[in-house]
């Protein structure tokens, strides 16, 4: 009986610790960029917030629109901005990172149908600590960047 109570208490403590840990990562103001019909890809943007005392890294993402998602950044090469695939996006301890046009973002590659303003896209984000964050991002137009 005592073993059963201790096991239940240990299991409950583990479950609570896992739940609290998973709640440490939040996505705020997520959206997917509206693109013209025929575009092969679009991008998802958001602010990732980490309320834990440990940095965490976004290592992959899935979506319901395309079979392939990549983490990307923009870098300047010989005076020209270029997109580059990256392995991870770090979210600092007790901090945040912005995924925004012209910077870090999620590429959703292989669109088979257009995405339009008002549509919603389910995203699943996976982190190096084993956490998964599921969210729904509305599609909206993004104004071009000015130079």
N, C-alpha and C. Protein backbone atom coordinates (compact mmCIF):
# COMPACT_ATOMS: atom_id res chain seq x y z
N UNK A 1 0.83 -1.19 0.00
CA UNK A 1 0.00 0.00 0.00
C UNK A 1 0.87 1.25 0.00
N UNK A 2 1.89 1.28 0.88
CA UNK A 2 2.79 2.43 0.94
C UNK A 2 3.54 2.60 -0.38
N UNK A 3 3.96 1.47 -0.98
CA UNK A 3 4.65 1.54 -2.27
C UNK A 3 3.73 2.15 -3.33
N UNK A 4 2.47 1.78 -3.31
CA UNK A 4 1.50 2.29 -4.27
C UNK A 4 1.30 3.80 -4.10
N UNK A 5 1.23 4.25 -2.86
CA UNK A 5 1.06 5.68 -2.58
C UNK A 5 2.30 6.44 -3.02
N UNK A 6 3.48 5.91 -2.71
CA UNK A 6 4.73 6.58 -3.13
C UNK A 6 4.85 6.63 -4.64
N UNK A 7 4.47 5.54 -5.32
CA UNK A 7 4.53 5.51 -6.77
C UNK A 7 3.58 6.56 -7.36
N UNK A 8 2.36 6.63 -6.82
CA UNK A 8 1.38 7.62 -7.30
C UNK A 8 1.88 9.04 -7.07
N UNK A 9 2.49 9.29 -5.92
CA UNK A 9 3.02 10.62 -5.62
C UNK A 9 4.17 10.97 -6.56
N UNK A 10 5.05 10.01 -6.81
CA UNK A 10 6.18 10.25 -7.72
C UNK A 10 5.69 10.49 -9.14
N UNK A 11 4.72 9.71 -9.58
CA UNK A 11 4.16 9.88 -10.93
C UNK A 11 3.49 11.24 -11.06
N UNK A 12 2.73 11.64 -10.05
CA UNK A 12 2.07 12.95 -10.08
C UNK A 12 3.09 14.08 -10.11
N UNK A 13 4.15 13.97 -9.33
CA UNK A 13 5.19 15.01 -9.30
C UNK A 13 5.87 15.11 -10.66
N UNK A 14 6.14 13.96 -11.29
CA UNK A 14 6.77 13.96 -12.61
C UNK A 14 5.85 14.60 -13.64
N UNK A 15 4.58 14.27 -13.61
CA UNK A 15 3.61 14.85 -14.53
C UNK A 15 3.52 16.36 -14.35
N UNK A 16 3.47 16.84 -13.13
CA UNK A 16 3.41 18.27 -12.88
C UNK A 16 4.68 18.97 -13.36
N UNK A 17 5.83 18.37 -13.13
CA UNK A 17 7.09 18.97 -13.58
C UNK A 17 7.12 19.06 -15.10
N UNK A 18 6.64 18.01 -15.78
CA UNK A 18 6.62 18.02 -17.25
C UNK A 18 5.66 19.08 -17.76
N UNK A 19 4.50 19.19 -17.16
CA UNK A 19 3.51 20.18 -17.58
C UNK A 19 4.04 21.59 -17.38
N UNK A 20 4.66 21.87 -16.25
CA UNK A 20 5.20 23.20 -15.99
C UNK A 20 6.31 23.52 -16.97
N UNK A 21 7.14 22.52 -17.27
CA UNK A 21 8.25 22.73 -18.20
C UNK A 21 7.72 23.05 -19.60
N UNK A 22 6.71 22.31 -20.03
CA UNK A 22 6.15 22.53 -21.37
C UNK A 22 5.52 23.91 -21.48
N UNK A 23 4.99 24.42 -20.39
CA UNK A 23 4.33 25.73 -20.41
C UNK A 23 5.34 26.88 -20.43
N UNK A 24 6.63 26.58 -20.36
CA UNK A 24 7.66 27.63 -20.33
C UNK A 24 7.88 28.28 -21.69
N UNK A 25 7.45 27.64 -22.77
CA UNK A 25 7.62 28.19 -24.12
C UNK A 25 6.26 28.60 -24.65
N UNK A 26 6.17 29.85 -25.10
CA UNK A 26 4.94 30.37 -25.67
C UNK A 26 5.23 31.01 -27.02
N UNK A 27 4.25 30.97 -27.89
CA UNK A 27 4.33 31.68 -29.17
C UNK A 27 3.30 32.80 -29.14
N UNK A 28 3.74 34.01 -29.48
CA UNK A 28 2.88 35.19 -29.43
C UNK A 28 2.83 35.81 -30.83
N UNK A 29 1.67 36.30 -31.21
CA UNK A 29 1.47 37.01 -32.49
C UNK A 29 1.94 36.19 -33.69
N UNK A 30 1.64 34.90 -33.69
CA UNK A 30 2.02 34.04 -34.82
C UNK A 30 1.13 34.35 -36.03
N UNK A 31 1.75 34.32 -37.21
CA UNK A 31 0.99 34.43 -38.46
C UNK A 31 1.79 33.80 -39.60
N UNK A 32 1.06 33.46 -40.65
CA UNK A 32 1.65 32.92 -41.88
C UNK A 32 1.43 33.95 -42.97
N UNK A 33 2.48 34.16 -43.77
CA UNK A 33 2.42 35.16 -44.82
C UNK A 33 1.54 34.72 -45.99
N UNK A 34 0.63 35.61 -46.41
CA UNK A 34 -0.16 35.39 -47.61
C UNK A 34 0.76 35.55 -48.82
N UNK A 35 0.66 34.62 -49.76
CA UNK A 35 1.49 34.68 -50.97
C UNK A 35 0.58 34.55 -52.20
N UNK A 36 1.06 35.04 -53.35
CA UNK A 36 0.25 34.94 -54.57
C UNK A 36 0.04 33.48 -54.99
N UNK A 37 -1.07 33.20 -55.70
CA UNK A 37 -1.30 31.85 -56.22
C UNK A 37 -0.09 31.39 -57.05
N UNK A 38 0.26 30.13 -56.92
CA UNK A 38 1.39 29.59 -57.66
C UNK A 38 2.72 29.67 -56.92
N UNK A 39 2.75 30.38 -55.80
CA UNK A 39 3.99 30.46 -55.02
C UNK A 39 4.31 29.08 -54.44
N UNK A 40 5.57 28.68 -54.49
CA UNK A 40 5.93 27.35 -53.99
C UNK A 40 6.11 27.29 -52.47
N UNK A 41 6.16 28.44 -51.81
CA UNK A 41 6.44 28.44 -50.36
C UNK A 41 5.85 29.69 -49.73
N UNK A 42 5.73 29.61 -48.40
CA UNK A 42 5.37 30.77 -47.60
C UNK A 42 6.19 30.70 -46.32
N UNK A 43 5.95 31.61 -45.41
CA UNK A 43 6.73 31.64 -44.17
C UNK A 43 5.81 31.91 -42.98
N UNK A 44 6.25 31.43 -41.82
CA UNK A 44 5.53 31.68 -40.56
C UNK A 44 6.42 32.53 -39.66
N UNK A 45 5.80 33.45 -38.96
CA UNK A 45 6.49 34.40 -38.09
C UNK A 45 5.80 34.41 -36.73
N UNK A 46 6.54 34.78 -35.70
CA UNK A 46 5.99 34.85 -34.34
C UNK A 46 7.07 35.32 -33.40
N UNK A 47 6.71 35.57 -32.17
CA UNK A 47 7.67 35.79 -31.10
C UNK A 47 7.60 34.58 -30.18
N UNK A 48 8.76 33.94 -29.96
CA UNK A 48 8.85 32.81 -29.05
C UNK A 48 9.35 33.33 -27.71
N UNK A 49 8.62 33.02 -26.65
CA UNK A 49 8.98 33.46 -25.31
C UNK A 49 9.33 32.25 -24.45
N UNK A 50 10.41 32.38 -23.68
CA UNK A 50 10.87 31.31 -22.80
C UNK A 50 10.86 31.85 -21.37
N UNK A 51 9.99 31.31 -20.53
CA UNK A 51 9.89 31.78 -19.15
C UNK A 51 10.71 30.91 -18.19
N UNK A 52 11.51 29.99 -18.73
CA UNK A 52 12.33 29.13 -17.86
C UNK A 52 13.71 29.75 -17.65
N UNK A 53 14.46 29.19 -16.72
CA UNK A 53 15.81 29.65 -16.42
C UNK A 53 16.86 29.00 -17.32
N UNK A 54 16.43 28.26 -18.33
CA UNK A 54 17.33 27.55 -19.22
C UNK A 54 17.03 27.91 -20.67
N UNK A 55 18.05 28.22 -21.47
CA UNK A 55 17.79 28.47 -22.88
C UNK A 55 17.25 27.20 -23.55
N UNK A 56 16.45 27.37 -24.57
CA UNK A 56 15.91 26.24 -25.31
C UNK A 56 16.04 26.57 -26.80
N UNK A 57 16.20 25.55 -27.61
CA UNK A 57 16.38 25.76 -29.04
C UNK A 57 15.25 25.11 -29.83
N UNK A 58 14.66 25.89 -30.75
CA UNK A 58 13.70 25.35 -31.70
C UNK A 58 14.50 24.57 -32.73
N UNK A 59 14.18 23.29 -32.91
CA UNK A 59 14.99 22.46 -33.81
C UNK A 59 14.23 21.96 -35.03
N UNK A 60 12.88 22.02 -35.01
CA UNK A 60 12.13 21.63 -36.19
C UNK A 60 10.68 22.11 -36.06
N UNK A 61 9.99 22.06 -37.18
CA UNK A 61 8.59 22.47 -37.21
C UNK A 61 7.86 21.66 -38.27
N UNK A 62 6.60 21.44 -38.04
CA UNK A 62 5.72 20.80 -39.02
C UNK A 62 4.51 21.71 -39.21
N UNK A 63 3.85 21.53 -40.34
CA UNK A 63 2.64 22.32 -40.61
C UNK A 63 1.68 21.47 -41.42
N UNK A 64 0.44 21.93 -41.53
CA UNK A 64 -0.59 21.17 -42.24
C UNK A 64 -0.66 21.50 -43.73
N UNK A 65 0.08 22.51 -44.18
CA UNK A 65 0.01 22.92 -45.59
C UNK A 65 1.00 22.20 -46.49
N UNK A 66 2.19 21.96 -45.98
CA UNK A 66 3.27 21.44 -46.81
C UNK A 66 3.91 20.24 -46.14
N UNK A 67 4.62 19.46 -46.94
CA UNK A 67 5.30 18.28 -46.39
C UNK A 67 6.65 18.63 -45.79
N UNK A 68 7.10 19.87 -46.00
CA UNK A 68 8.46 20.22 -45.59
C UNK A 68 8.50 21.61 -44.96
N UNK A 69 9.14 21.70 -43.80
CA UNK A 69 9.36 22.98 -43.12
C UNK A 69 10.83 23.10 -42.79
N UNK A 70 11.36 24.32 -42.85
CA UNK A 70 12.76 24.58 -42.51
C UNK A 70 12.86 25.82 -41.65
N UNK A 71 13.88 25.86 -40.80
CA UNK A 71 14.22 27.06 -40.04
C UNK A 71 15.15 27.89 -40.91
N UNK A 72 14.90 29.19 -41.03
CA UNK A 72 15.68 30.05 -41.92
C UNK A 72 16.08 31.34 -41.24
N UNK A 73 17.12 31.96 -41.81
CA UNK A 73 17.56 33.29 -41.43
C UNK A 73 17.93 34.02 -42.72
N UNK A 74 18.00 35.33 -42.66
CA UNK A 74 18.51 36.14 -43.75
C UNK A 74 19.92 36.61 -43.38
N UNK A 75 20.83 36.51 -44.32
CA UNK A 75 22.19 36.99 -44.11
C UNK A 75 22.60 37.83 -45.32
N UNK A 76 23.48 38.78 -45.08
CA UNK A 76 23.98 39.61 -46.18
C UNK A 76 25.25 38.98 -46.74
N UNK A 77 25.26 38.73 -48.04
CA UNK A 77 26.41 38.17 -48.74
C UNK A 77 26.74 39.10 -49.90
N UNK A 78 27.90 39.72 -49.83
CA UNK A 78 28.34 40.65 -50.87
C UNK A 78 27.29 41.72 -51.16
N UNK A 79 26.70 42.25 -50.10
CA UNK A 79 25.73 43.32 -50.23
C UNK A 79 24.33 42.87 -50.63
N UNK A 80 24.10 41.57 -50.71
CA UNK A 80 22.79 41.05 -51.12
C UNK A 80 22.25 40.17 -49.99
N UNK A 81 21.00 40.42 -49.62
CA UNK A 81 20.36 39.59 -48.60
C UNK A 81 19.98 38.25 -49.19
N UNK A 82 20.35 37.17 -48.48
CA UNK A 82 20.03 35.82 -48.92
C UNK A 82 19.45 35.03 -47.76
N UNK A 83 18.51 34.14 -48.10
CA UNK A 83 17.94 33.25 -47.11
C UNK A 83 18.85 32.04 -46.95
N UNK A 84 19.02 31.60 -45.70
CA UNK A 84 19.83 30.42 -45.42
C UNK A 84 19.09 29.53 -44.42
N UNK A 85 19.12 28.23 -44.69
CA UNK A 85 18.59 27.28 -43.73
C UNK A 85 19.54 27.20 -42.54
N UNK A 86 18.97 27.13 -41.33
CA UNK A 86 19.77 27.02 -40.12
C UNK A 86 19.32 25.80 -39.33
N UNK A 87 20.18 25.32 -38.44
CA UNK A 87 19.90 24.10 -37.67
C UNK A 87 18.94 24.34 -36.51
N UNK A 88 18.99 25.54 -35.92
CA UNK A 88 18.19 25.79 -34.72
C UNK A 88 18.01 27.29 -34.51
N UNK A 89 17.03 27.62 -33.69
CA UNK A 89 16.80 29.00 -33.28
C UNK A 89 16.76 28.99 -31.75
N UNK A 90 17.71 29.69 -31.14
CA UNK A 90 17.78 29.70 -29.67
C UNK A 90 16.84 30.74 -29.09
N UNK A 91 16.11 30.30 -28.05
CA UNK A 91 15.25 31.18 -27.27
C UNK A 91 15.93 31.31 -25.92
N UNK A 92 16.46 32.49 -25.59
CA UNK A 92 17.24 32.63 -24.35
C UNK A 92 16.41 32.38 -23.09
N UNK A 93 17.09 31.99 -22.03
CA UNK A 93 16.43 31.81 -20.73
C UNK A 93 15.77 33.13 -20.33
N UNK A 94 14.54 33.04 -19.87
CA UNK A 94 13.77 34.23 -19.46
C UNK A 94 13.80 35.34 -20.50
N UNK A 95 13.73 34.93 -21.77
CA UNK A 95 13.80 35.91 -22.85
C UNK A 95 12.92 35.50 -24.01
N UNK A 96 13.14 36.16 -25.13
CA UNK A 96 12.34 35.89 -26.32
C UNK A 96 13.17 36.10 -27.57
N UNK A 97 12.68 35.55 -28.66
CA UNK A 97 13.30 35.73 -29.96
C UNK A 97 12.18 36.00 -30.96
N UNK A 98 12.43 36.97 -31.85
CA UNK A 98 11.42 37.34 -32.84
C UNK A 98 11.71 36.65 -34.16
N UNK A 99 10.70 35.99 -34.69
CA UNK A 99 10.75 35.46 -36.04
C UNK A 99 9.93 36.44 -36.87
N UNK A 100 10.61 37.18 -37.76
CA UNK A 100 9.98 38.30 -38.45
C UNK A 100 10.48 38.38 -39.89
N UNK A 101 9.69 39.01 -40.77
CA UNK A 101 10.16 39.19 -42.15
C UNK A 101 11.53 39.86 -42.17
N UNK A 102 12.42 39.32 -43.00
CA UNK A 102 13.76 39.86 -43.11
C UNK A 102 14.73 39.30 -42.08
N UNK A 103 14.27 38.38 -41.24
CA UNK A 103 15.12 37.79 -40.21
C UNK A 103 14.83 36.31 -40.06
N UNK A 104 14.84 35.84 -38.82
CA UNK A 104 14.52 34.45 -38.54
C UNK A 104 13.07 34.17 -38.91
N UNK A 105 12.81 32.96 -39.42
CA UNK A 105 11.45 32.57 -39.76
C UNK A 105 11.37 31.07 -40.04
N UNK A 106 10.15 30.56 -40.16
CA UNK A 106 9.91 29.19 -40.56
C UNK A 106 9.48 29.20 -42.02
N UNK A 107 10.19 28.47 -42.87
CA UNK A 107 9.77 28.33 -44.27
C UNK A 107 8.87 27.12 -44.39
N UNK A 108 7.74 27.29 -45.04
CA UNK A 108 6.79 26.22 -45.32
C UNK A 108 6.89 25.97 -46.82
N UNK A 109 7.54 24.88 -47.19
CA UNK A 109 7.96 24.65 -48.57
C UNK A 109 7.12 23.56 -49.23
N UNK A 110 6.65 23.86 -50.45
CA UNK A 110 5.88 22.90 -51.23
C UNK A 110 4.38 23.15 -51.18
N UNK A 111 3.99 24.41 -51.24
CA UNK A 111 2.55 24.73 -51.24
C UNK A 111 1.88 24.10 -52.45
N UNK A 112 0.76 23.45 -52.21
CA UNK A 112 0.00 22.87 -53.32
C UNK A 112 -1.25 23.67 -53.64
N UNK A 113 -1.60 24.56 -52.72
CA UNK A 113 -2.73 25.47 -52.96
C UNK A 113 -2.41 26.79 -52.27
N UNK A 114 -3.00 27.87 -52.76
CA UNK A 114 -2.67 29.18 -52.18
C UNK A 114 -3.21 29.33 -50.76
N UNK A 115 -2.53 30.16 -50.00
CA UNK A 115 -3.02 30.54 -48.68
C UNK A 115 -3.51 31.98 -48.78
N UNK A 116 -4.66 32.22 -48.19
CA UNK A 116 -5.27 33.54 -48.31
C UNK A 116 -5.56 34.12 -46.93
N UNK A 117 -5.62 35.44 -46.89
CA UNK A 117 -5.98 36.14 -45.67
C UNK A 117 -7.25 35.52 -45.10
N UNK A 118 -7.24 35.25 -43.80
CA UNK A 118 -8.39 34.63 -43.15
C UNK A 118 -8.24 33.14 -42.94
N UNK A 119 -7.37 32.48 -43.74
CA UNK A 119 -7.08 31.06 -43.51
C UNK A 119 -6.32 30.91 -42.19
N UNK A 120 -6.33 29.72 -41.64
CA UNK A 120 -5.55 29.42 -40.44
C UNK A 120 -4.69 28.19 -40.71
N UNK A 121 -3.47 28.19 -40.16
CA UNK A 121 -2.52 27.12 -40.38
C UNK A 121 -2.08 26.54 -39.04
N UNK A 122 -2.22 25.22 -38.89
CA UNK A 122 -1.76 24.54 -37.68
C UNK A 122 -0.25 24.31 -37.80
N UNK A 123 0.48 24.69 -36.77
CA UNK A 123 1.93 24.51 -36.71
C UNK A 123 2.29 23.71 -35.47
N UNK A 124 3.31 22.87 -35.60
CA UNK A 124 3.87 22.14 -34.46
C UNK A 124 5.34 22.46 -34.38
N UNK A 125 5.77 23.01 -33.26
CA UNK A 125 7.17 23.38 -33.05
C UNK A 125 7.80 22.38 -32.09
N UNK A 126 9.02 21.93 -32.43
CA UNK A 126 9.74 20.97 -31.58
C UNK A 126 11.03 21.59 -31.08
N UNK A 127 11.29 21.39 -29.78
CA UNK A 127 12.44 22.00 -29.12
C UNK A 127 13.43 20.93 -28.66
N UNK A 128 14.68 21.35 -28.46
CA UNK A 128 15.74 20.40 -28.11
C UNK A 128 15.58 19.76 -26.74
N UNK A 129 14.72 20.30 -25.90
CA UNK A 129 14.49 19.71 -24.58
C UNK A 129 13.35 18.69 -24.60
N UNK A 130 12.82 18.40 -25.79
CA UNK A 130 11.75 17.43 -25.92
C UNK A 130 10.36 18.04 -25.93
N UNK A 131 10.24 19.32 -25.64
CA UNK A 131 8.92 19.98 -25.65
C UNK A 131 8.40 20.14 -27.07
N UNK A 132 7.08 20.12 -27.19
CA UNK A 132 6.39 20.37 -28.44
C UNK A 132 5.34 21.44 -28.17
N UNK A 133 5.24 22.40 -29.08
CA UNK A 133 4.25 23.46 -28.95
C UNK A 133 3.38 23.44 -30.19
N UNK A 134 2.08 23.28 -30.00
CA UNK A 134 1.13 23.31 -31.11
C UNK A 134 0.37 24.61 -31.08
N UNK A 135 0.22 25.22 -32.26
CA UNK A 135 -0.49 26.49 -32.33
C UNK A 135 -1.15 26.64 -33.68
N UNK A 136 -2.06 27.57 -33.76
CA UNK A 136 -2.73 27.90 -35.02
C UNK A 136 -2.41 29.34 -35.35
N UNK A 137 -1.94 29.56 -36.58
CA UNK A 137 -1.53 30.90 -37.01
C UNK A 137 -2.43 31.37 -38.15
N UNK A 138 -2.99 32.56 -38.03
CA UNK A 138 -3.80 33.09 -39.14
C UNK A 138 -2.91 33.52 -40.30
N UNK A 139 -3.46 33.47 -41.49
CA UNK A 139 -2.76 33.96 -42.69
C UNK A 139 -3.08 35.44 -42.83
N UNK A 140 -2.04 36.24 -43.09
CA UNK A 140 -2.26 37.66 -43.31
C UNK A 140 -1.22 38.22 -44.28
N UNK A 141 -1.59 39.28 -44.97
CA UNK A 141 -0.63 39.90 -45.89
C UNK A 141 0.47 40.60 -45.08
N UNK A 142 1.64 40.65 -45.67
CA UNK A 142 2.76 41.35 -45.04
C UNK A 142 3.23 42.40 -46.02
N UNK A 143 3.37 43.60 -45.54
CA UNK A 143 3.86 44.69 -46.40
C UNK A 143 5.31 44.43 -46.74
N UNK A 144 5.74 44.75 -47.96
CA UNK A 144 7.14 44.56 -48.31
C UNK A 144 8.04 45.44 -47.43
N UNK A 145 9.26 44.95 -47.21
CA UNK A 145 10.22 45.72 -46.42
C UNK A 145 10.71 46.90 -47.26
N UNK A 146 10.88 48.04 -46.63
CA UNK A 146 11.42 49.20 -47.35
C UNK A 146 12.92 49.28 -47.11
N UNK A 147 13.64 49.76 -48.10
CA UNK A 147 15.10 49.84 -47.99
C UNK A 147 15.56 51.28 -47.86
